[in-house]
Amino acid sequence: MLSFAQYTALNEGTYPAWVKATVGAMVLKVRNLSTRIEREPDPVQQNRLIAQQNKLLAYMGGLGVAVSTNDPQLIMKIRSKR
């Protein structure tokens, strides 16, 4: 069993600040796109907006995988795609 000091020193599941900020910005963009999709009457434009939204969601998922595996090459690849 861990002591309280050891428990508070654990840093499992934490993400760097740049990841939190990036994902936060992406979440706002995804929500904005959702609103635009709902309001858009043209199905072709809706599909384009959905494609943008899916791309952002894929980057968010990729960041979660890259950071949790501590893969620096994957992190840099995803970071450069923003």
C-alpha atoms as a PDB file:
ATOM      1  CA  MET A   1       0.000   0.000   0.000  1.00  0.00           C
ATOM      2  CA  LEU A   2       1.209   3.502  -0.803  1.00  0.00           C
ATOM      3  CA  SER A   3       1.635   6.166   1.805  1.00  0.00           C
ATOM      4  CA  PHE A   4      -0.189   9.454   1.303  1.00  0.00           C
ATOM      5  CA  ALA A   5       3.054  11.189   0.289  1.00  0.00           C
ATOM      6  CA  GLN A   6       3.745   8.508  -2.323  1.00  0.00           C
ATOM      7  CA  TYR A   7       0.171   8.722  -3.581  1.00  0.00           C
ATOM      8  CA  THR A   8       0.289  12.487  -4.017  1.00  0.00           C
ATOM      9  CA  ALA A   9       3.655  12.186  -5.803  1.00  0.00           C
ATOM     10  CA  LEU A  10       2.150   9.956  -8.499  1.00  0.00           C
ATOM     11  CA  ASN A  11       1.664  11.711 -11.799  1.00  0.00           C
ATOM     12  CA  GLU A  12      -0.179   9.024 -13.720  1.00  0.00           C
ATOM     13  CA  GLY A  13      -2.839  10.195 -16.079  1.00  0.00           C
ATOM     14  CA  THR A  14      -1.647  13.777 -16.261  1.00  0.00           C
ATOM     15  CA  TYR A  15      -1.138  15.489 -19.564  1.00  0.00           C
ATOM     16  CA  PRO A  16       1.211  18.335 -20.426  1.00  0.00           C
ATOM     17  CA  ALA A  17      -0.298  21.820 -20.437  1.00  0.00           C
ATOM     18  CA  TRP A  18       0.067  22.169 -24.215  1.00  0.00           C
ATOM     19  CA  VAL A  19      -2.044  19.019 -24.697  1.00  0.00           C
ATOM     20  CA  LYS A  20      -4.754  20.317 -22.377  1.00  0.00           C
ATOM     21  CA  ALA A  21      -4.810  23.695 -24.153  1.00  0.00           C
ATOM     22  CA  THR A  22      -4.803  22.112 -27.613  1.00  0.00           C
ATOM     23  CA  VAL A  23      -7.607  19.694 -26.784  1.00  0.00           C
ATOM     24  CA  GLY A  24      -9.586  22.486 -25.128  1.00  0.00           C
ATOM     25  CA  ALA A  25      -9.334  24.590 -28.289  1.00  0.00           C
ATOM     26  CA  MET A  26     -10.299  21.592 -30.419  1.00  0.00           C
ATOM     27  CA  VAL A  27     -13.337  20.906 -28.236  1.00  0.00           C
ATOM     28  CA  LEU A  28     -14.516  24.474 -28.795  1.00  0.00           C
ATOM     29  CA  LYS A  29     -14.038  24.068 -32.548  1.00  0.00           C
ATOM     30  CA  VAL A  30     -15.947  20.758 -32.543  1.00  0.00           C
ATOM     31  CA  ARG A  31     -18.837  22.354 -30.654  1.00  0.00           C
ATOM     32  CA  ASN A  32     -18.858  25.286 -33.076  1.00  0.00           C
ATOM     33  CA  LEU A  33     -18.899  22.897 -36.025  1.00  0.00           C
ATOM     34  CA  SER A  34     -21.789  20.954 -34.468  1.00  0.00           C
ATOM     35  CA  THR A  35     -23.817  24.138 -34.269  1.00  0.00           C
ATOM     36  CA  ARG A  36     -22.942  25.050 -37.850  1.00  0.00           C
ATOM     37  CA  ILE A  37     -23.878  21.553 -39.060  1.00  0.00           C
ATOM     38  CA  GLU A  38     -27.282  21.786 -37.391  1.00  0.00           C
ATOM     39  CA  ARG A  39     -27.979  25.181 -38.979  1.00  0.00           C
ATOM     40  CA  GLU A  40     -26.691  24.365 -42.474  1.00  0.00           C
ATOM     41  CA  PRO A  41     -29.484  23.591 -44.960  1.00  0.00           C
ATOM     42  CA  ASP A  42     -27.158  22.426 -47.774  1.00  0.00           C
ATOM     43  CA  PRO A  43     -26.284  18.708 -47.424  1.00  0.00           C
ATOM     44  CA  VAL A  44     -23.006  19.107 -49.354  1.00  0.00           C
ATOM     45  CA  GLN A  45     -21.812  21.841 -46.992  1.00  0.00           C
ATOM     46  CA  GLN A  46     -22.980  19.743 -44.021  1.00  0.00           C
ATOM     47  CA  ASN A  47     -20.783  16.881 -45.216  1.00  0.00           C
ATOM     48  CA  ARG A  48     -17.785  19.215 -45.485  1.00  0.00           C
ATOM     49  CA  LEU A  49     -18.365  20.469 -41.949  1.00  0.00           C
ATOM     50  CA  ILE A  50     -18.757  16.890 -40.684  1.00  0.00           C
ATOM     51  CA  ALA A  51     -15.450  15.992 -42.356  1.00  0.00           C
ATOM     52  CA  GLN A  52     -13.725  18.884 -40.555  1.00  0.00           C
ATOM     53  CA  GLN A  53     -15.288  17.792 -37.290  1.00  0.00           C
ATOM     54  CA  ASN A  54     -14.158  14.183 -37.774  1.00  0.00           C
ATOM     55  CA  LYS A  55     -10.620  15.347 -38.511  1.00  0.00           C
ATOM     56  CA  LEU A  56     -10.489  17.305 -35.253  1.00  0.00           C
ATOM     57  CA  LEU A  57     -11.880  14.342 -33.310  1.00  0.00           C
ATOM     58  CA  ALA A  58      -9.234  12.077 -34.850  1.00  0.00           C
ATOM     59  CA  TYR A  59      -6.458  14.463 -33.792  1.00  0.00           C
ATOM     60  CA  MET A  60      -7.858  14.558 -30.266  1.00  0.00           C
ATOM     61  CA  GLY A  61      -7.861  10.756 -30.106  1.00  0.00           C
ATOM     62  CA  GLY A  62      -4.356  10.612 -31.545  1.00  0.00           C
ATOM     63  CA  LEU A  63      -3.074  13.024 -28.928  1.00  0.00           C
ATOM     64  CA  GLY A  64      -4.500  10.833 -26.186  1.00  0.00           C
ATOM     65  CA  VAL A  65      -2.733   7.768 -27.583  1.00  0.00           C
ATOM     66  CA  ALA A  66       0.560   9.552 -28.267  1.00  0.00           C
ATOM     67  CA  VAL A  67       0.808  11.137 -24.840  1.00  0.00           C
ATOM     68  CA  SER A  68      -0.221   8.015 -22.945  1.00  0.00           C
ATOM     69  CA  THR A  69       2.398   5.918 -24.778  1.00  0.00           C
ATOM     70  CA  ASN A  70       5.119   8.586 -24.439  1.00  0.00           C
ATOM     71  CA  ASP A  71       5.966   8.224 -28.131  1.00  0.00           C
ATOM     72  CA  PRO A  72       7.855  11.435 -29.030  1.00  0.00           C
ATOM     73  CA  GLN A  73       7.720  10.819 -32.790  1.00  0.00           C
ATOM     74  CA  LEU A  74       3.959  10.337 -32.750  1.00  0.00           C
ATOM     75  CA  ILE A  75       3.488  13.399 -30.554  1.00  0.00           C
ATOM     76  CA  MET A  76       5.531  15.557 -32.935  1.00  0.00           C
ATOM     77  CA  LYS A  77       3.638  14.211 -35.956  1.00  0.00           C
ATOM     78  CA  ILE A  78       0.263  15.030 -34.425  1.00  0.00           C
ATOM     79  CA  ARG A  79       1.469  18.336 -33.041  1.00  0.00           C
ATOM     80  CA  SER A  80       2.586  19.451 -36.513  1.00  0.00           C
ATOM     81  CA  LYS A  81      -0.827  18.592 -38.058  1.00  0.00           C
ATOM     82  CA  ARG A  82      -2.831  21.057 -35.956  1.00  0.00           C
END
